[in-house]
Amino acid sequence: MAGTDQTIARRATATPVTLDGTGSTTAGATYQWEQVLTGATDPDKMTLTGATTLKPTFTLPVYKYPMTNNPLTFKLTVTVGTDIRTDEVKVTPTPDRVAIGRAEWKSGDFRVTGTSSAVGSVITLHQGSLDGPVLGRATVTAAVAPETGGVFTLRLRDGNAGPRNPGTIWIESSVGGVAGPTTVTNR
């Protein structure tokens, strides 16, 4: 009734998604779609356009913590006279795969390198945890052959490197991947 579950690859730009309730076409029916949220402050709340149609849409935004990659559940309610039926469908965002390769600090020089499966995504580096201070951002570029996928390097120098080793770091990708904690080594 609410269509089949979907898996949607996150991208470096917002991604349009269409729900499909055409299996519920009935003469005289009314349709109402709504997202089933985990609470009033659900970080994965989407805005449905055309919520009273058979094919509403929403835009899966670029990832930013505290968002998650948990399945998004949408409920379709079909009403014909006094007969009311509901069905749910799940849309699961698929993030990129990210990893921190190297994280080194010395006075005046802080460097983090890593990999991502999504060239063009933006890596945000946090100190301590995903909700910790942002230390910097880097764009993922294509790896040099024979390597595949993407790589990033974030290098901060002089005053931007901070007065001391940041301890542990986490990264988040605009395409949903997260990695950490990684301990920053002194060199």
N, C-alpha and C. Protein backbone atom coordinates (compact mmCIF):
# COMPACT_ATOMS: atom_id res chain seq x y z
N MET A 1 0.81 -1.19 0.00
CA MET A 1 0.00 0.00 0.00
C MET A 1 0.87 1.27 0.00
N ALA A 2 1.88 1.35 0.89
CA ALA A 2 2.75 2.53 0.96
C ALA A 2 3.98 2.35 0.09
N GLY A 3 4.03 1.29 -0.71
CA GLY A 3 5.17 1.05 -1.58
C GLY A 3 6.23 0.22 -0.89
N THR A 4 7.28 -0.06 -1.63
CA THR A 4 8.37 -0.88 -1.09
C THR A 4 9.38 0.00 -0.38
N ASP A 5 10.07 -0.60 0.59
CA ASP A 5 11.13 0.12 1.29
C ASP A 5 12.20 0.54 0.28
N GLN A 6 12.85 1.66 0.59
CA GLN A 6 13.86 2.21 -0.32
C GLN A 6 15.19 2.38 0.41
N THR A 7 16.26 2.22 -0.32
CA THR A 7 17.59 2.57 0.17
C THR A 7 18.10 3.67 -0.74
N ILE A 8 18.44 4.81 -0.14
CA ILE A 8 18.86 6.00 -0.89
C ILE A 8 20.29 6.34 -0.53
N ALA A 9 21.17 6.37 -1.52
CA ALA A 9 22.57 6.76 -1.27
C ALA A 9 22.62 8.25 -0.99
N ARG A 10 23.23 8.61 0.14
CA ARG A 10 23.44 10.03 0.41
C ARG A 10 24.41 10.57 -0.62
N ARG A 11 24.27 11.86 -0.90
CA ARG A 11 25.15 12.53 -1.86
C ARG A 11 25.71 13.80 -1.26
N ALA A 12 26.63 14.41 -1.97
CA ALA A 12 27.23 15.66 -1.51
C ALA A 12 26.28 16.84 -1.70
N THR A 13 25.15 16.61 -2.36
CA THR A 13 24.09 17.61 -2.50
C THR A 13 22.78 16.99 -2.02
N ALA A 14 21.80 17.82 -1.73
CA ALA A 14 20.49 17.32 -1.28
C ALA A 14 19.91 16.39 -2.35
N THR A 15 19.22 15.34 -1.89
CA THR A 15 18.73 14.30 -2.79
C THR A 15 17.21 14.21 -2.74
N PRO A 16 16.51 14.42 -3.88
CA PRO A 16 15.04 14.28 -3.87
C PRO A 16 14.64 12.81 -3.75
N VAL A 17 13.59 12.57 -2.97
CA VAL A 17 13.07 11.22 -2.76
C VAL A 17 11.55 11.25 -2.97
N THR A 18 11.02 10.26 -3.69
CA THR A 18 9.58 10.16 -3.93
C THR A 18 9.05 8.90 -3.27
N LEU A 19 7.99 9.06 -2.49
CA LEU A 19 7.28 7.92 -1.92
C LEU A 19 6.23 7.49 -2.92
N ASP A 20 5.78 6.23 -2.86
CA ASP A 20 4.86 5.74 -3.87
C ASP A 20 3.72 4.93 -3.26
N GLY A 21 2.55 5.53 -3.22
CA GLY A 21 1.37 4.85 -2.70
C GLY A 21 0.41 4.45 -3.79
N THR A 22 0.87 4.34 -5.04
CA THR A 22 -0.04 4.05 -6.16
C THR A 22 -0.69 2.67 -6.03
N GLY A 23 -0.16 1.80 -5.17
CA GLY A 23 -0.80 0.52 -4.92
C GLY A 23 -2.08 0.67 -4.11
N SER A 24 -2.38 1.89 -3.68
CA SER A 24 -3.56 2.16 -2.86
C SER A 24 -4.64 2.93 -3.61
N THR A 25 -4.55 2.99 -4.93
CA THR A 25 -5.51 3.75 -5.72
C THR A 25 -6.90 3.11 -5.58
N THR A 26 -7.82 3.88 -5.06
CA THR A 26 -9.21 3.44 -4.87
C THR A 26 -10.12 4.63 -5.14
N ALA A 27 -11.20 4.39 -5.85
CA ALA A 27 -12.15 5.48 -6.15
C ALA A 27 -12.67 6.09 -4.85
N GLY A 28 -12.65 7.40 -4.79
CA GLY A 28 -13.19 8.12 -3.64
C GLY A 28 -12.28 8.14 -2.42
N ALA A 29 -11.06 7.66 -2.55
CA ALA A 29 -10.15 7.59 -1.40
C ALA A 29 -9.46 8.94 -1.16
N THR A 30 -9.12 9.17 0.10
CA THR A 30 -8.25 10.29 0.45
C THR A 30 -6.97 9.70 1.02
N TYR A 31 -5.89 10.43 0.85
CA TYR A 31 -4.58 9.94 1.23
C TYR A 31 -3.91 10.94 2.16
N GLN A 32 -3.23 10.42 3.17
CA GLN A 32 -2.49 11.28 4.09
C GLN A 32 -1.19 10.57 4.47
N TRP A 33 -0.08 11.20 4.11
CA TRP A 33 1.24 10.70 4.47
C TRP A 33 1.77 11.50 5.66
N GLU A 34 2.51 10.84 6.53
CA GLU A 34 3.19 11.55 7.62
C GLU A 34 4.44 10.76 8.00
N GLN A 35 5.42 11.47 8.49
CA GLN A 35 6.63 10.80 8.95
C GLN A 35 6.42 10.35 10.39
N VAL A 36 6.86 9.16 10.69
CA VAL A 36 6.80 8.63 12.06
C VAL A 36 8.12 9.04 12.72
N LEU A 37 8.01 9.97 13.67
CA LEU A 37 9.20 10.54 14.31
C LEU A 37 9.51 9.85 15.64
N THR A 38 10.76 9.95 16.07
CA THR A 38 11.15 9.38 17.36
C THR A 38 10.82 10.31 18.52
N GLY A 39 10.46 11.55 18.23
CA GLY A 39 10.12 12.53 19.26
C GLY A 39 10.07 13.92 18.67
N ALA A 40 9.77 14.89 19.52
CA ALA A 40 9.60 16.27 19.06
C ALA A 40 10.88 16.87 18.50
N THR A 41 12.03 16.36 18.93
CA THR A 41 13.30 16.91 18.47
C THR A 41 14.07 15.93 17.58
N ASP A 42 13.35 15.06 16.88
CA ASP A 42 13.98 14.08 16.00
C ASP A 42 14.88 14.81 14.99
N PRO A 43 16.21 14.53 15.00
CA PRO A 43 17.11 15.25 14.09
C PRO A 43 16.94 14.84 12.63
N ASP A 44 16.15 13.80 12.38
CA ASP A 44 15.94 13.32 11.01
C ASP A 44 14.57 13.70 10.45
N LYS A 45 13.96 14.73 11.01
CA LYS A 45 12.63 15.15 10.55
C LYS A 45 12.73 15.72 9.14
N MET A 46 11.88 15.21 8.26
CA MET A 46 11.81 15.66 6.87
C MET A 46 10.52 16.43 6.65
N THR A 47 10.47 17.25 5.62
CA THR A 47 9.27 17.98 5.25
C THR A 47 8.71 17.36 3.98
N LEU A 48 7.50 16.82 4.09
CA LEU A 48 6.85 16.21 2.93
C LEU A 48 6.14 17.26 2.09
N THR A 49 6.30 17.18 0.79
CA THR A 49 5.56 18.00 -0.16
C THR A 49 4.54 17.09 -0.84
N GLY A 50 3.28 17.51 -0.88
CA GLY A 50 2.23 16.69 -1.48
C GLY A 50 1.79 15.55 -0.58
N ALA A 51 1.71 15.82 0.72
CA ALA A 51 1.39 14.77 1.70
C ALA A 51 0.00 14.17 1.52
N THR A 52 -0.86 14.79 0.70
CA THR A 52 -2.20 14.23 0.46
C THR A 52 -2.32 13.63 -0.93
N THR A 53 -1.17 13.37 -1.56
CA THR A 53 -1.16 12.76 -2.90
C THR A 53 -0.62 11.33 -2.80
N LEU A 54 -0.69 10.60 -3.90
CA LEU A 54 -0.16 9.24 -3.90
C LEU A 54 1.37 9.21 -3.95
N LYS A 55 1.99 10.29 -4.45
CA LYS A 55 3.44 10.32 -4.59
C LYS A 55 4.04 11.59 -3.99
N PRO A 56 4.05 11.68 -2.67
CA PRO A 56 4.67 12.85 -2.05
C PRO A 56 6.20 12.77 -2.19
N THR A 57 6.84 13.90 -1.98
CA THR A 57 8.30 13.96 -2.08
C THR A 57 8.88 14.64 -0.84
N PHE A 58 10.15 14.38 -0.62
CA PHE A 58 10.92 15.13 0.37
C PHE A 58 12.35 15.18 -0.11
N THR A 59 13.13 16.02 0.48
CA THR A 59 14.53 16.15 0.11
C THR A 59 15.40 15.65 1.25
N LEU A 60 16.21 14.63 0.97
CA LEU A 60 17.16 14.13 1.95
C LEU A 60 18.33 15.12 1.96
N PRO A 61 18.49 15.84 3.07
CA PRO A 61 19.51 16.89 3.08
C PRO A 61 20.93 16.34 3.17
N VAL A 62 21.89 17.21 2.93
CA VAL A 62 23.29 16.89 3.15
C VAL A 62 23.44 16.61 4.65
N TYR A 63 24.21 15.59 4.99
CA TYR A 63 24.35 15.16 6.39
C TYR A 63 25.05 16.21 7.23
N LYS A 64 24.53 16.40 8.44
CA LYS A 64 25.17 17.25 9.44
C LYS A 64 24.75 16.72 10.81
N TYR A 65 25.74 16.36 11.62
CA TYR A 65 25.44 15.88 12.97
C TYR A 65 24.60 16.92 13.69
N PRO A 66 23.54 16.54 14.42
CA PRO A 66 23.21 15.25 15.01
C PRO A 66 22.30 14.36 14.15
N MET A 67 22.18 14.64 12.85
CA MET A 67 21.40 13.74 12.00
C MET A 67 21.96 12.33 12.15
N THR A 68 21.15 11.34 11.73
CA THR A 68 21.61 9.95 11.75
C THR A 68 21.37 9.36 10.36
N ASN A 69 21.79 8.13 10.20
CA ASN A 69 21.50 7.39 8.98
C ASN A 69 20.47 6.29 9.28
N ASN A 70 19.71 6.48 10.36
CA ASN A 70 18.67 5.52 10.71
C ASN A 70 17.56 5.56 9.65
N PRO A 71 16.86 4.43 9.47
CA PRO A 71 15.74 4.44 8.51
C PRO A 71 14.70 5.50 8.88
N LEU A 72 14.18 6.16 7.85
CA LEU A 72 13.09 7.13 8.01
C LEU A 72 11.80 6.38 7.73
N THR A 73 10.84 6.47 8.63
CA THR A 73 9.58 5.74 8.48
C THR A 73 8.47 6.72 8.12
N PHE A 74 7.70 6.38 7.08
CA PHE A 74 6.57 7.20 6.65
C PHE A 74 5.31 6.34 6.66
N LYS A 75 4.23 6.92 7.14
CA LYS A 75 2.96 6.20 7.23
C LYS A 75 1.96 6.80 6.25
N LEU A 76 1.32 5.91 5.49
CA LEU A 76 0.25 6.31 4.57
C LEU A 76 -1.07 5.86 5.16
N THR A 77 -2.00 6.80 5.30
CA THR A 77 -3.37 6.49 5.74
C THR A 77 -4.30 6.71 4.56
N VAL A 78 -5.03 5.65 4.18
CA VAL A 78 -5.99 5.71 3.08
C VAL A 78 -7.38 5.59 3.69
N THR A 79 -8.23 6.58 3.38
CA THR A 79 -9.59 6.59 3.92
C THR A 79 -10.58 6.54 2.77
N VAL A 80 -11.50 5.56 2.84
CA VAL A 80 -12.61 5.45 1.89
C VAL A 80 -13.87 5.32 2.74
N GLY A 81 -14.65 6.41 2.80
CA GLY A 81 -15.83 6.40 3.67
C GLY A 81 -15.41 6.21 5.11
N THR A 82 -15.90 5.12 5.75
CA THR A 82 -15.54 4.84 7.14
C THR A 82 -14.40 3.83 7.24
N ASP A 83 -13.92 3.34 6.10
CA ASP A 83 -12.83 2.37 6.08
C ASP A 83 -11.50 3.11 6.07
N ILE A 84 -10.67 2.87 7.09
CA ILE A 84 -9.37 3.53 7.22
C ILE A 84 -8.30 2.45 7.29
N ARG A 85 -7.32 2.56 6.41
CA ARG A 85 -6.21 1.61 6.40
C ARG A 85 -4.89 2.37 6.40
N THR A 86 -3.91 1.78 7.08
CA THR A 86 -2.59 2.42 7.13
C THR A 86 -1.51 1.40 6.75
N ASP A 87 -0.42 1.94 6.27
CA ASP A 87 0.75 1.13 5.94
C ASP A 87 1.97 2.02 6.10
N GLU A 88 3.11 1.40 6.37
CA GLU A 88 4.34 2.16 6.54
C GLU A 88 5.39 1.72 5.53
N VAL A 89 6.28 2.63 5.21
CA VAL A 89 7.41 2.36 4.33
C VAL A 89 8.64 2.99 4.98
N LYS A 90 9.78 2.34 4.79
CA LYS A 90 11.04 2.86 5.33
C LYS A 90 11.95 3.31 4.20
N VAL A 91 12.61 4.44 4.42
CA VAL A 91 13.62 4.96 3.50
C VAL A 91 14.92 5.02 4.29
N THR A 92 15.89 4.23 3.87
CA THR A 92 17.15 4.14 4.61
C THR A 92 18.26 4.86 3.85
N PRO A 93 18.81 5.93 4.46
CA PRO A 93 19.94 6.62 3.84
C PRO A 93 21.21 5.78 3.97
N THR A 94 21.98 5.70 2.89
CA THR A 94 23.25 4.98 2.92
C THR A 94 24.39 5.99 2.87
N PRO A 95 25.22 6.03 3.92
CA PRO A 95 26.32 6.99 3.94
C PRO A 95 27.54 6.49 3.19
N ASP A 96 28.50 7.41 3.00
CA ASP A 96 29.79 7.00 2.46
C ASP A 96 30.60 6.32 3.57
N ARG A 97 31.68 5.69 3.18
CA ARG A 97 32.59 5.07 4.14
C ARG A 97 33.79 6.01 4.29
N VAL A 98 34.05 6.40 5.54
CA VAL A 98 35.17 7.30 5.81
C VAL A 98 36.11 6.68 6.83
N ALA A 99 37.35 7.07 6.77
CA ALA A 99 38.35 6.59 7.73
C ALA A 99 39.41 7.67 7.93
N ILE A 100 39.88 7.75 9.15
CA ILE A 100 41.00 8.64 9.45
C ILE A 100 42.27 7.81 9.29
N GLY A 101 43.18 8.28 8.44
CA GLY A 101 44.42 7.55 8.21
C GLY A 101 45.52 7.96 9.17
N ARG A 102 45.72 9.26 9.29
CA ARG A 102 46.81 9.79 10.11
C ARG A 102 46.33 11.07 10.77
N ALA A 103 46.68 11.26 12.03
CA ALA A 103 46.36 12.48 12.77
C ALA A 103 47.57 12.83 13.62
N GLU A 104 48.28 13.90 13.23
CA GLU A 104 49.51 14.27 13.91
C GLU A 104 49.53 15.75 14.24
N TRP A 105 50.14 16.06 15.38
CA TRP A 105 50.24 17.45 15.82
C TRP A 105 51.64 17.73 16.33
N LYS A 106 52.12 18.91 16.00
CA LYS A 106 53.30 19.48 16.65
C LYS A 106 53.06 20.98 16.69
N SER A 107 53.77 21.68 17.50
CA SER A 107 53.56 23.11 17.63
C SER A 107 53.58 23.78 16.26
N GLY A 108 52.48 24.43 15.91
CA GLY A 108 52.38 25.14 14.65
C GLY A 108 52.01 24.30 13.44
N ASP A 109 51.74 23.00 13.63
CA ASP A 109 51.43 22.14 12.49
C ASP A 109 50.54 20.97 12.93
N PHE A 110 49.30 20.94 12.42
CA PHE A 110 48.34 19.88 12.75
C PHE A 110 47.83 19.32 11.43
N ARG A 111 47.96 17.99 11.25
CA ARG A 111 47.60 17.37 9.98
C ARG A 111 46.75 16.13 10.22
N VAL A 112 45.66 16.02 9.42
CA VAL A 112 44.81 14.84 9.45
C VAL A 112 44.60 14.41 8.01
N THR A 113 44.81 13.12 7.73
CA THR A 113 44.55 12.57 6.40
C THR A 113 43.58 11.42 6.54
N GLY A 114 42.91 11.09 5.44
CA GLY A 114 41.99 9.97 5.48
C GLY A 114 41.39 9.67 4.13
N THR A 115 40.40 8.78 4.14
CA THR A 115 39.77 8.34 2.91
C THR A 115 38.26 8.43 3.03
N SER A 116 37.62 8.47 1.85
CA SER A 116 36.16 8.47 1.76
C SER A 116 35.77 7.79 0.46
N SER A 117 34.61 7.16 0.46
CA SER A 117 34.12 6.54 -0.77
C SER A 117 33.37 7.54 -1.64
N ALA A 118 33.26 8.81 -1.19
CA ALA A 118 32.48 9.81 -1.92
C ALA A 118 33.34 11.02 -2.28
N VAL A 119 33.88 11.03 -3.49
CA VAL A 119 34.63 12.18 -3.98
C VAL A 119 33.68 13.38 -4.06
N GLY A 120 34.13 14.52 -3.57
CA GLY A 120 33.31 15.74 -3.58
C GLY A 120 32.63 16.01 -2.26
N SER A 121 32.62 15.04 -1.36
CA SER A 121 32.02 15.28 -0.05
C SER A 121 32.93 16.20 0.76
N VAL A 122 32.39 16.76 1.82
CA VAL A 122 33.16 17.65 2.68
C VAL A 122 33.30 16.97 4.04
N ILE A 123 34.53 16.86 4.52
CA ILE A 123 34.83 16.27 5.82
C ILE A 123 34.93 17.40 6.84
N THR A 124 34.21 17.26 7.95
CA THR A 124 34.31 18.21 9.05
C THR A 124 35.01 17.51 10.21
N LEU A 125 36.05 18.13 10.72
CA LEU A 125 36.86 17.57 11.80
C LEU A 125 36.43 18.20 13.12
N HIS A 126 36.11 17.33 14.10
CA HIS A 126 35.68 17.79 15.43
C HIS A 126 36.67 17.34 16.50
N GLN A 127 36.82 18.14 17.52
CA GLN A 127 37.65 17.78 18.65
C GLN A 127 36.81 17.08 19.71
N GLY A 128 37.26 15.91 20.17
CA GLY A 128 36.64 15.22 21.30
C GLY A 128 35.44 14.36 20.99
N SER A 129 34.48 14.86 20.21
CA SER A 129 33.26 14.12 19.88
C SER A 129 32.61 14.79 18.67
N LEU A 130 31.57 14.16 18.13
CA LEU A 130 30.90 14.76 16.96
C LEU A 130 30.23 16.08 17.29
N ASP A 131 29.90 16.32 18.55
CA ASP A 131 29.33 17.63 18.89
C ASP A 131 30.38 18.55 19.51
N GLY A 132 31.67 18.15 19.39
CA GLY A 132 32.76 18.99 19.87
C GLY A 132 33.07 20.11 18.90
N PRO A 133 33.97 21.00 19.28
CA PRO A 133 34.31 22.13 18.42
C PRO A 133 34.82 21.68 17.05
N VAL A 134 34.46 22.44 16.02
CA VAL A 134 34.94 22.18 14.67
C VAL A 134 36.35 22.74 14.55
N LEU A 135 37.28 21.86 14.14
CA LEU A 135 38.67 22.27 13.97
C LEU A 135 38.97 22.68 12.54
N GLY A 136 38.19 22.16 11.59
CA GLY A 136 38.41 22.51 10.19
C GLY A 136 37.60 21.62 9.26
N ARG A 137 37.67 21.95 7.97
CA ARG A 137 36.95 21.18 6.93
C ARG A 137 37.87 20.95 5.74
N ALA A 138 37.63 19.83 5.05
CA ALA A 138 38.41 19.51 3.84
C ALA A 138 37.50 18.82 2.84
N THR A 139 37.71 19.10 1.56
CA THR A 139 36.95 18.46 0.49
C THR A 139 37.67 17.19 0.06
N VAL A 140 36.89 16.13 -0.18
CA VAL A 140 37.45 14.86 -0.63
C VAL A 140 37.72 14.95 -2.13
N THR A 141 38.94 14.61 -2.51
CA THR A 141 39.34 14.61 -3.92
C THR A 141 39.61 13.17 -4.36
N ALA A 142 39.62 12.96 -5.67
CA ALA A 142 39.86 11.62 -6.21
C ALA A 142 41.27 11.15 -5.85
N ALA A 143 41.34 9.88 -5.44
CA ALA A 143 42.64 9.28 -5.13
C ALA A 143 43.45 9.12 -6.41
N VAL A 144 44.76 9.15 -6.29
CA VAL A 144 45.65 8.96 -7.43
C VAL A 144 45.73 7.46 -7.74
N ALA A 145 45.59 7.11 -9.02
CA ALA A 145 45.65 5.70 -9.43
C ALA A 145 46.98 5.10 -8.98
N PRO A 146 47.02 3.87 -8.58
CA PRO A 146 46.01 2.83 -8.71
C PRO A 146 44.99 2.81 -7.56
N GLU A 147 45.11 3.72 -6.61
CA GLU A 147 44.13 3.79 -5.53
C GLU A 147 42.77 4.17 -6.10
N THR A 148 41.70 3.83 -5.38
CA THR A 148 40.35 4.20 -5.81
C THR A 148 39.67 4.97 -4.69
N GLY A 149 38.52 5.57 -5.01
CA GLY A 149 37.78 6.33 -4.00
C GLY A 149 38.35 7.72 -3.86
N GLY A 150 38.22 8.28 -2.67
CA GLY A 150 38.66 9.64 -2.45
C GLY A 150 39.56 9.76 -1.23
N VAL A 151 40.29 10.86 -1.18
CA VAL A 151 41.20 11.14 -0.07
C VAL A 151 41.00 12.58 0.38
N PHE A 152 41.38 12.83 1.62
CA PHE A 152 41.35 14.21 2.10
C PHE A 152 42.58 14.46 2.98
N THR A 153 42.99 15.71 2.99
CA THR A 153 44.06 16.17 3.87
C THR A 153 43.62 17.49 4.46
N LEU A 154 43.68 17.57 5.77
CA LEU A 154 43.40 18.83 6.46
C LEU A 154 44.67 19.20 7.20
N ARG A 155 45.23 20.34 6.85
CA ARG A 155 46.47 20.78 7.49
C ARG A 155 46.27 22.20 8.00
N LEU A 156 46.51 22.35 9.29
CA LEU A 156 46.42 23.66 9.93
C LEU A 156 47.81 24.04 10.40
N ARG A 157 48.18 25.29 10.13
CA ARG A 157 49.53 25.74 10.49
C ARG A 157 49.48 26.97 11.38
N ASP A 158 50.59 27.17 12.04
CA ASP A 158 50.81 28.32 12.90
C ASP A 158 49.68 28.44 13.93
N GLY A 159 49.07 29.62 14.07
CA GLY A 159 48.03 29.82 15.08
C GLY A 159 46.80 28.96 14.86
N ASN A 160 46.53 28.58 13.61
CA ASN A 160 45.37 27.73 13.32
C ASN A 160 45.55 26.30 13.82
N ALA A 161 46.79 25.89 14.07
CA ALA A 161 47.06 24.54 14.55
C ALA A 161 46.71 24.37 16.02
N GLY A 162 46.46 25.46 16.71
CA GLY A 162 46.13 25.40 18.13
C GLY A 162 47.38 25.34 18.99
N PRO A 163 47.26 25.76 20.25
CA PRO A 163 48.44 25.81 21.12
C PRO A 163 48.84 24.46 21.70
N ARG A 164 47.96 23.42 21.55
CA ARG A 164 48.30 22.10 22.08
C ARG A 164 47.59 21.01 21.28
N ASN A 165 48.06 19.79 21.44
CA ASN A 165 47.48 18.63 20.79
C ASN A 165 45.99 18.54 21.17
N PRO A 166 45.08 18.40 20.17
CA PRO A 166 43.65 18.37 20.48
C PRO A 166 43.17 17.08 21.16
N GLY A 167 44.05 16.09 21.32
CA GLY A 167 43.66 14.85 22.02
C GLY A 167 43.03 13.85 21.09
N THR A 168 41.70 13.78 21.10
CA THR A 168 41.00 12.87 20.20
C THR A 168 40.16 13.67 19.21
N ILE A 169 39.95 13.06 18.04
CA ILE A 169 39.17 13.72 17.00
C ILE A 169 38.14 12.75 16.43
N TRP A 170 37.13 13.31 15.83
CA TRP A 170 36.10 12.60 15.07
C TRP A 170 35.94 13.34 13.75
N ILE A 171 35.50 12.61 12.72
CA ILE A 171 35.15 13.27 11.47
C ILE A 171 33.73 12.91 11.09
N GLU A 172 33.08 13.83 10.39
CA GLU A 172 31.79 13.56 9.77
C GLU A 172 31.86 14.02 8.33
N SER A 173 31.22 13.26 7.46
CA SER A 173 31.18 13.59 6.04
C SER A 173 29.82 14.19 5.71
N SER A 174 29.80 15.09 4.74
CA SER A 174 28.52 15.65 4.29
C SER A 174 27.66 14.59 3.62
N VAL A 175 28.22 13.39 3.38
CA VAL A 175 27.49 12.29 2.78
C VAL A 175 27.13 11.25 3.85
N GLY A 176 27.34 11.58 5.13
CA GLY A 176 26.81 10.77 6.22
C GLY A 176 27.77 9.88 6.96
N GLY A 177 28.96 9.64 6.43
CA GLY A 177 29.91 8.77 7.12
C GLY A 177 30.52 9.46 8.32
N VAL A 178 30.79 8.71 9.36
CA VAL A 178 31.46 9.24 10.55
C VAL A 178 32.56 8.26 10.96
N ALA A 179 33.61 8.80 11.57
CA ALA A 179 34.69 7.97 12.08
C ALA A 179 35.30 8.63 13.31
N GLY A 180 35.73 7.81 14.23
CA GLY A 180 36.37 8.29 15.44
C GLY A 180 35.97 7.40 16.60
N PRO A 181 36.51 7.59 17.75
CA PRO A 181 37.55 8.57 18.03
C PRO A 181 38.92 8.08 17.57
N THR A 182 39.75 9.02 17.20
CA THR A 182 41.14 8.75 16.85
C THR A 182 42.01 9.65 17.71
N THR A 183 43.03 9.07 18.31
CA THR A 183 43.95 9.84 19.13
C THR A 183 44.99 10.50 18.24
N VAL A 184 45.16 11.80 18.44
CA VAL A 184 46.15 12.57 17.68
C VAL A 184 47.52 12.32 18.31
N THR A 185 48.48 11.92 17.48
CA THR A 185 49.83 11.67 18.00
C THR A 185 50.68 12.94 17.89
N ASN A 186 51.65 13.04 18.80
CA ASN A 186 52.63 14.13 18.71
C ASN A 186 53.76 13.68 17.81
N ARG A 187 54.29 14.62 17.02
CA ARG A 187 55.46 14.28 16.20
C ARG A 187 56.55 15.29 16.41
